[in-house]
């Protein structure tokens, strides 16, 4: 359940419309800004290898950076984003991209234990029900596989928390939330350990601004 300011209207249709609007300029606006973090997440994914699900694949900006022996399936809520991703796959002849599909991260259309890695960049804070997304990521992950996230992590208390909650009316219209504290990840993995065998592996700060992290969980 969303709490505090996150109880504002923030649903699938709002997110879909927001990212449809972002599609024409996404690479220009977010490509350079999140480049370092993206490279860190893809390097971690390439080390794992196997079959990878990238949730929130967007315009496919990450797809050319996967190792050739990694088989990637990309999903996104925005059809306009995926059209640009498909264009990128076709132009660069990315043979290791298994497929692209419009899909809701809270309701992934894959069987249990389908992927060696689930990778989601800046997705959790764009989900109306983040814990439901995380549960789905864990469900489709094979035993021994990893959930690799890039995510903004907000403050649990203090002035920064107040500011981040205050920004929520603006950022929800842009398609993401500023309020998602580390305690929500730790609460989730405690429950997911019992239901899915998920364990925390690593949290590492990544650029920009020191508010983002590479987060890894493993399914035991």
C-alpha atoms as a PDB file:
ATOM      1  CA  UNK A   1       0.000   0.000   0.000  1.00  0.00           C
ATOM      2  CA  UNK A   2       1.256   3.486  -0.807  1.00  0.00           C
ATOM      3  CA  UNK A   3       1.804   5.762   2.156  1.00  0.00           C
ATOM      4  CA  UNK A   4       1.913   9.481   2.914  1.00  0.00           C
ATOM      5  CA  UNK A   5       2.251  11.663  -0.158  1.00  0.00           C
ATOM      6  CA  UNK A   6       2.495   8.541  -2.311  1.00  0.00           C
ATOM      7  CA  UNK A   7      -1.240   8.070  -1.897  1.00  0.00           C
ATOM      8  CA  UNK A   8      -1.685  10.720  -4.569  1.00  0.00           C
ATOM      9  CA  UNK A   9      -3.228   9.653  -7.861  1.00  0.00           C
ATOM     10  CA  UNK A  10      -0.557   7.514  -9.493  1.00  0.00           C
ATOM     11  CA  UNK A  11      -1.908   4.786 -11.722  1.00  0.00           C
ATOM     12  CA  UNK A  12      -0.983   2.757 -14.765  1.00  0.00           C
ATOM     13  CA  UNK A  13      -2.685   5.117 -17.220  1.00  0.00           C
ATOM     14  CA  UNK A  14      -0.932   8.156 -15.742  1.00  0.00           C
ATOM     15  CA  UNK A  15       2.466   6.466 -16.021  1.00  0.00           C
ATOM     16  CA  UNK A  16       1.777   5.241 -19.544  1.00  0.00           C
ATOM     17  CA  UNK A  17       0.767   8.701 -20.732  1.00  0.00           C
ATOM     18  CA  UNK A  18       3.780  10.282 -19.047  1.00  0.00           C
ATOM     19  CA  UNK A  19       6.276   7.993 -20.766  1.00  0.00           C
ATOM     20  CA  UNK A  20       4.514   8.251 -24.104  1.00  0.00           C
ATOM     21  CA  UNK A  21       5.185  11.986 -23.791  1.00  0.00           C
ATOM     22  CA  UNK A  22       8.824  11.360 -22.841  1.00  0.00           C
ATOM     23  CA  UNK A  23       9.464   9.005 -25.787  1.00  0.00           C
ATOM     24  CA  UNK A  24      10.568  11.580 -28.422  1.00  0.00           C
ATOM     25  CA  UNK A  25      13.128  13.240 -26.124  1.00  0.00           C
ATOM     26  CA  UNK A  26      13.986  10.530 -23.594  1.00  0.00           C
ATOM     27  CA  UNK A  27      17.450   9.692 -24.972  1.00  0.00           C
ATOM     28  CA  UNK A  28      18.408  13.346 -25.223  1.00  0.00           C
ATOM     29  CA  UNK A  29      17.208  14.252 -21.709  1.00  0.00           C
ATOM     30  CA  UNK A  30      18.081  11.113 -19.724  1.00  0.00           C
ATOM     31  CA  UNK A  31      20.759   9.398 -21.804  1.00  0.00           C
ATOM     32  CA  UNK A  32      23.800  11.414 -20.622  1.00  0.00           C
ATOM     33  CA  UNK A  33      22.451  12.080 -17.109  1.00  0.00           C
ATOM     34  CA  UNK A  34      21.979   8.410 -16.233  1.00  0.00           C
ATOM     35  CA  UNK A  35      24.782   7.033 -18.413  1.00  0.00           C
ATOM     36  CA  UNK A  36      27.165   6.070 -15.589  1.00  0.00           C
ATOM     37  CA  UNK A  37      24.470   4.308 -13.611  1.00  0.00           C
ATOM     38  CA  UNK A  38      23.247   2.487 -16.711  1.00  0.00           C
ATOM     39  CA  UNK A  39      26.747   1.199 -17.486  1.00  0.00           C
ATOM     40  CA  UNK A  40      27.127  -0.036 -13.896  1.00  0.00           C
ATOM     41  CA  UNK A  41      23.839  -1.954 -14.019  1.00  0.00           C
ATOM     42  CA  UNK A  42      24.573  -3.515 -17.403  1.00  0.00           C
ATOM     43  CA  UNK A  43      28.057  -4.560 -16.285  1.00  0.00           C
ATOM     44  CA  UNK A  44      26.513  -6.353 -13.298  1.00  0.00           C
ATOM     45  CA  UNK A  45      23.987  -7.995 -15.613  1.00  0.00           C
ATOM     46  CA  UNK A  46      26.632  -9.093 -18.100  1.00  0.00           C
ATOM     47  CA  UNK A  47      28.618 -10.739 -15.297  1.00  0.00           C
ATOM     48  CA  UNK A  48      25.576 -12.864 -14.481  1.00  0.00           C
ATOM     49  CA  UNK A  49      24.760 -13.656 -18.118  1.00  0.00           C
ATOM     50  CA  UNK A  50      22.029 -15.999 -19.312  1.00  0.00           C
ATOM     51  CA  UNK A  51      18.496 -14.915 -20.123  1.00  0.00           C
ATOM     52  CA  UNK A  52      17.731 -11.356 -19.020  1.00  0.00           C
ATOM     53  CA  UNK A  53      14.441  -9.518 -18.602  1.00  0.00           C
ATOM     54  CA  UNK A  54      14.827  -5.756 -18.778  1.00  0.00           C
ATOM     55  CA  UNK A  55      11.728  -4.159 -17.283  1.00  0.00           C
ATOM     56  CA  UNK A  56      11.221  -0.582 -18.388  1.00  0.00           C
ATOM     57  CA  UNK A  57      13.404  -1.044 -21.460  1.00  0.00           C
ATOM     58  CA  UNK A  58      12.089   2.282 -22.785  1.00  0.00           C
ATOM     59  CA  UNK A  59      13.679   3.361 -26.054  1.00  0.00           C
ATOM     60  CA  UNK A  60      16.164   0.495 -25.843  1.00  0.00           C
ATOM     61  CA  UNK A  61      19.054   2.770 -24.950  1.00  0.00           C
ATOM     62  CA  UNK A  62      20.678  -0.070 -22.953  1.00  0.00           C
ATOM     63  CA  UNK A  63      20.231  -2.831 -25.515  1.00  0.00           C
ATOM     64  CA  UNK A  64      23.463  -2.306 -27.529  1.00  0.00           C
ATOM     65  CA  UNK A  65      25.525  -2.540 -24.326  1.00  0.00           C
ATOM     66  CA  UNK A  66      24.587  -6.109 -23.381  1.00  0.00           C
ATOM     67  CA  UNK A  67      27.168  -8.827 -24.009  1.00  0.00           C
ATOM     68  CA  UNK A  68      26.477 -10.870 -27.128  1.00  0.00           C
ATOM     69  CA  UNK A  69      26.057 -14.052 -25.072  1.00  0.00           C
ATOM     70  CA  UNK A  70      23.252 -12.423 -23.056  1.00  0.00           C
ATOM     71  CA  UNK A  71      19.735 -13.048 -24.370  1.00  0.00           C
ATOM     72  CA  UNK A  72      17.506 -10.041 -23.596  1.00  0.00           C
ATOM     73  CA  UNK A  73      13.739  -9.659 -23.506  1.00  0.00           C
ATOM     74  CA  UNK A  74      12.556  -6.075 -23.008  1.00  0.00           C
ATOM     75  CA  UNK A  75       9.180  -4.905 -21.709  1.00  0.00           C
ATOM     76  CA  UNK A  76       7.750  -1.451 -21.142  1.00  0.00           C
ATOM     77  CA  UNK A  77       4.394   0.121 -20.373  1.00  0.00           C
ATOM     78  CA  UNK A  78       4.753   2.675 -23.188  1.00  0.00           C
ATOM     79  CA  UNK A  79       4.068   1.564 -26.755  1.00  0.00           C
ATOM     80  CA  UNK A  80       5.702   4.718 -28.119  1.00  0.00           C
ATOM     81  CA  UNK A  81       8.879   3.943 -26.201  1.00  0.00           C
ATOM     82  CA  UNK A  82       8.908   0.390 -27.541  1.00  0.00           C
ATOM     83  CA  UNK A  83       8.544   1.553 -31.138  1.00  0.00           C
ATOM     84  CA  UNK A  84      11.798   3.462 -30.727  1.00  0.00           C
ATOM     85  CA  UNK A  85      13.395   0.411 -29.088  1.00  0.00           C
ATOM     86  CA  UNK A  86      12.358  -1.798 -31.995  1.00  0.00           C
ATOM     87  CA  UNK A  87      13.806   0.721 -34.429  1.00  0.00           C
ATOM     88  CA  UNK A  88      17.093   0.582 -32.526  1.00  0.00           C
ATOM     89  CA  UNK A  89      17.114  -3.230 -32.582  1.00  0.00           C
ATOM     90  CA  UNK A  90      16.472  -3.265 -36.332  1.00  0.00           C
ATOM     91  CA  UNK A  91      19.030  -0.577 -37.198  1.00  0.00           C
ATOM     92  CA  UNK A  92      21.799  -2.114 -35.086  1.00  0.00           C
ATOM     93  CA  UNK A  93      20.797  -5.714 -35.896  1.00  0.00           C
ATOM     94  CA  UNK A  94      20.845  -6.730 -32.249  1.00  0.00           C
ATOM     95  CA  UNK A  95      20.505 -10.502 -32.626  1.00  0.00           C
ATOM     96  CA  UNK A  96      20.615 -11.139 -28.872  1.00  0.00           C
ATOM     97  CA  UNK A  97      17.335  -9.284 -28.288  1.00  0.00           C
ATOM     98  CA  UNK A  98      14.772 -12.064 -27.965  1.00  0.00           C
ATOM     99  CA  UNK A  99      11.733  -9.802 -28.050  1.00  0.00           C
ATOM    100  CA  UNK A 100      10.024  -6.592 -26.984  1.00  0.00           C
ATOM    101  CA  UNK A 101       6.512  -6.314 -25.580  1.00  0.00           C
ATOM    102  CA  UNK A 102       4.132  -3.847 -23.970  1.00  0.00           C
ATOM    103  CA  UNK A 103       3.652  -5.123 -20.436  1.00  0.00           C
ATOM    104  CA  UNK A 104       2.714  -3.906 -16.976  1.00  0.00           C
ATOM    105  CA  UNK A 105       5.535  -4.488 -14.485  1.00  0.00           C
ATOM    106  CA  UNK A 106       2.973  -5.443 -11.845  1.00  0.00           C
ATOM    107  CA  UNK A 107       1.585  -8.222 -14.076  1.00  0.00           C
ATOM    108  CA  UNK A 108       4.412  -9.818 -16.048  1.00  0.00           C
ATOM    109  CA  UNK A 109       3.207 -12.304 -18.643  1.00  0.00           C
ATOM    110  CA  UNK A 110       5.938 -14.876 -18.066  1.00  0.00           C
ATOM    111  CA  UNK A 111       5.966 -18.203 -16.217  1.00  0.00           C
ATOM    112  CA  UNK A 112       7.670 -18.538 -12.845  1.00  0.00           C
ATOM    113  CA  UNK A 113      11.470 -18.877 -12.920  1.00  0.00           C
ATOM    114  CA  UNK A 114      11.889 -17.710 -16.536  1.00  0.00           C
ATOM    115  CA  UNK A 115      14.992 -15.502 -16.263  1.00  0.00           C
ATOM    116  CA  UNK A 116      18.528 -15.597 -14.887  1.00  0.00           C
ATOM    117  CA  UNK A 117      18.478 -11.827 -14.334  1.00  0.00           C
ATOM    118  CA  UNK A 118      15.702  -9.288 -13.973  1.00  0.00           C
ATOM    119  CA  UNK A 119      17.076  -5.800 -14.516  1.00  0.00           C
ATOM    120  CA  UNK A 120      15.030  -2.638 -13.970  1.00  0.00           C
ATOM    121  CA  UNK A 121      16.489   0.841 -14.361  1.00  0.00           C
ATOM    122  CA  UNK A 122      14.609   3.693 -12.685  1.00  0.00           C
ATOM    123  CA  UNK A 123      11.414   1.613 -12.769  1.00  0.00           C
ATOM    124  CA  UNK A 124      10.470   0.878  -9.155  1.00  0.00           C
ATOM    125  CA  UNK A 125       9.754   4.516  -8.346  1.00  0.00           C
ATOM    126  CA  UNK A 126       7.580   4.769 -11.476  1.00  0.00           C
ATOM    127  CA  UNK A 127       5.308   1.875 -10.444  1.00  0.00           C
ATOM    128  CA  UNK A 128       1.957   2.666  -8.815  1.00  0.00           C
ATOM    129  CA  UNK A 129       2.492  -0.336  -6.479  1.00  0.00           C
ATOM    130  CA  UNK A 130       6.261  -0.807  -6.151  1.00  0.00           C
ATOM    131  CA  UNK A 131       6.167  -3.846  -3.859  1.00  0.00           C
ATOM    132  CA  UNK A 132       3.857  -5.626  -6.331  1.00  0.00           C
ATOM    133  CA  UNK A 133       6.453  -5.003  -9.066  1.00  0.00           C
ATOM    134  CA  UNK A 134       9.242  -6.335  -6.875  1.00  0.00           C
ATOM    135  CA  UNK A 135       7.181  -9.454  -6.125  1.00  0.00           C
ATOM    136  CA  UNK A 136       6.692 -10.034  -9.852  1.00  0.00           C
ATOM    137  CA  UNK A 137      10.418  -9.597 -10.509  1.00  0.00           C
ATOM    138  CA  UNK A 138      11.157 -12.216  -7.851  1.00  0.00           C
ATOM    139  CA  UNK A 139       8.515 -14.586  -9.218  1.00  0.00           C
ATOM    140  CA  UNK A 140       9.954 -14.740 -12.756  1.00  0.00           C
ATOM    141  CA  UNK A 141      13.539 -15.056 -11.493  1.00  0.00           C
ATOM    142  CA  UNK A 142      15.251 -18.445 -11.496  1.00  0.00           C
ATOM    143  CA  UNK A 143      16.850 -19.844  -8.352  1.00  0.00           C
ATOM    144  CA  UNK A 144      20.374 -18.462  -8.147  1.00  0.00           C
ATOM    145  CA  UNK A 145      19.398 -15.517 -10.320  1.00  0.00           C
ATOM    146  CA  UNK A 146      19.712 -11.847  -9.511  1.00  0.00           C
ATOM    147  CA  UNK A 147      17.375  -8.871  -9.390  1.00  0.00           C
ATOM    148  CA  UNK A 148      19.428  -5.822 -10.392  1.00  0.00           C
ATOM    149  CA  UNK A 149      17.883  -2.404  -9.857  1.00  0.00           C
ATOM    150  CA  UNK A 150      18.845   1.167 -10.508  1.00  0.00           C
ATOM    151  CA  UNK A 151      16.677   3.314  -8.291  1.00  0.00           C
ATOM    152  CA  UNK A 152      16.334   6.615  -6.608  1.00  0.00           C
ATOM    153  CA  UNK A 153      16.384   6.123  -2.831  1.00  0.00           C
ATOM    154  CA  UNK A 154      14.746   8.842  -0.788  1.00  0.00           C
ATOM    155  CA  UNK A 155      15.297   9.798   2.840  1.00  0.00           C
ATOM    156  CA  UNK A 156      13.502   8.055   5.706  1.00  0.00           C
ATOM    157  CA  UNK A 157      13.400  11.224   7.799  1.00  0.00           C
ATOM    158  CA  UNK A 158      14.588  14.793   8.087  1.00  0.00           C
ATOM    159  CA  UNK A 159      14.390  17.862   5.855  1.00  0.00           C
ATOM    160  CA  UNK A 160      15.134  15.887   2.681  1.00  0.00           C
ATOM    161  CA  UNK A 161      12.158  13.611   3.352  1.00  0.00           C
ATOM    162  CA  UNK A 162       9.868  16.633   3.745  1.00  0.00           C
ATOM    163  CA  UNK A 163      11.121  18.138   0.471  1.00  0.00           C
ATOM    164  CA  UNK A 164      10.780  14.853  -1.421  1.00  0.00           C
ATOM    165  CA  UNK A 165       7.210  14.343  -0.231  1.00  0.00           C
ATOM    166  CA  UNK A 166       6.417  17.925  -1.136  1.00  0.00           C
ATOM    167  CA  UNK A 167       7.568  17.334  -4.713  1.00  0.00           C
ATOM    168  CA  UNK A 168       5.256  14.365  -5.216  1.00  0.00           C
ATOM    169  CA  UNK A 169       2.341  16.335  -6.762  1.00  0.00           C
ATOM    170  CA  UNK A 170       4.720  17.487  -9.519  1.00  0.00           C
ATOM    171  CA  UNK A 171       6.725  14.305 -10.098  1.00  0.00           C
ATOM    172  CA  UNK A 172       3.694  12.016 -10.267  1.00  0.00           C
ATOM    173  CA  UNK A 173       2.566  13.947 -13.347  1.00  0.00           C
ATOM    174  CA  UNK A 174       6.015  13.375 -14.836  1.00  0.00           C
ATOM    175  CA  UNK A 175       5.692   9.617 -14.255  1.00  0.00           C
ATOM    176  CA  UNK A 176       7.739   8.914 -11.131  1.00  0.00           C
ATOM    177  CA  UNK A 177       7.771   9.398  -7.363  1.00  0.00           C
ATOM    178  CA  UNK A 178      10.423  11.175  -5.318  1.00  0.00           C
ATOM    179  CA  UNK A 179       9.323   9.366  -2.150  1.00  0.00           C
ATOM    180  CA  UNK A 180      10.646   5.797  -1.852  1.00  0.00           C
ATOM    181  CA  UNK A 181      12.891   5.274   1.148  1.00  0.00           C
ATOM    182  CA  UNK A 182      15.404   2.481   1.717  1.00  0.00           C
ATOM    183  CA  UNK A 183      13.222   1.105   4.507  1.00  0.00           C
ATOM    184  CA  UNK A 184      10.672   0.026   1.896  1.00  0.00           C
ATOM    185  CA  UNK A 185      13.294  -2.124   0.182  1.00  0.00           C
ATOM    186  CA  UNK A 186      14.390  -3.696   3.446  1.00  0.00           C
ATOM    187  CA  UNK A 187      10.783  -4.367   4.472  1.00  0.00           C
ATOM    188  CA  UNK A 188      10.110  -5.921   1.071  1.00  0.00           C
ATOM    189  CA  UNK A 189      13.126  -8.228   1.056  1.00  0.00           C
ATOM    190  CA  UNK A 190      12.314  -9.429   4.565  1.00  0.00           C
ATOM    191  CA  UNK A 191       8.890 -10.560   3.332  1.00  0.00           C
ATOM    192  CA  UNK A 192      10.281 -11.779  -0.017  1.00  0.00           C
ATOM    193  CA  UNK A 193      12.864 -13.918   1.775  1.00  0.00           C
ATOM    194  CA  UNK A 194       9.993 -15.946   3.209  1.00  0.00           C
ATOM    195  CA  UNK A 195       7.905 -16.065   0.015  1.00  0.00           C
ATOM    196  CA  UNK A 196      10.552 -16.217  -2.721  1.00  0.00           C
ATOM    197  CA  UNK A 197      13.893 -16.825  -1.029  1.00  0.00           C
ATOM    198  CA  UNK A 198      15.195 -13.354  -1.892  1.00  0.00           C
ATOM    199  CA  UNK A 199      18.308 -12.030  -0.159  1.00  0.00           C
ATOM    200  CA  UNK A 200      19.961  -8.625  -0.195  1.00  0.00           C
ATOM    201  CA  UNK A 201      23.382  -8.605  -1.894  1.00  0.00           C
ATOM    202  CA  UNK A 202      24.550  -5.044  -2.476  1.00  0.00           C
ATOM    203  CA  UNK A 203      23.659  -1.392  -2.453  1.00  0.00           C
ATOM    204  CA  UNK A 204      26.111   0.933  -4.202  1.00  0.00           C
ATOM    205  CA  UNK A 205      25.691   4.674  -4.895  1.00  0.00           C
ATOM    206  CA  UNK A 206      25.764   5.711  -8.552  1.00  0.00           C
ATOM    207  CA  UNK A 207      25.668   9.133 -10.227  1.00  0.00           C
ATOM    208  CA  UNK A 208      23.982  11.548 -10.467  1.00  0.00           C
ATOM    209  CA  UNK A 209      23.514  13.621  -7.312  1.00  0.00           C
ATOM    210  CA  UNK A 210      24.135  10.785  -4.822  1.00  0.00           C
ATOM    211  CA  UNK A 211      20.409   9.996  -4.574  1.00  0.00           C
ATOM    212  CA  UNK A 212      20.544   6.893  -6.799  1.00  0.00           C
ATOM    213  CA  UNK A 213      21.762   3.371  -6.072  1.00  0.00           C
ATOM    214  CA  UNK A 214      22.596   0.107  -7.775  1.00  0.00           C
ATOM    215  CA  UNK A 215      20.727  -2.499  -5.710  1.00  0.00           C
ATOM    216  CA  UNK A 216      21.148  -6.260  -6.057  1.00  0.00           C
ATOM    217  CA  UNK A 217      19.081  -9.114  -4.623  1.00  0.00           C
ATOM    218  CA  UNK A 218      19.642 -12.838  -5.190  1.00  0.00           C
ATOM    219  CA  UNK A 219      17.100 -15.645  -5.254  1.00  0.00           C
ATOM    220  CA  UNK A 220      18.465 -18.514  -3.183  1.00  0.00           C
END
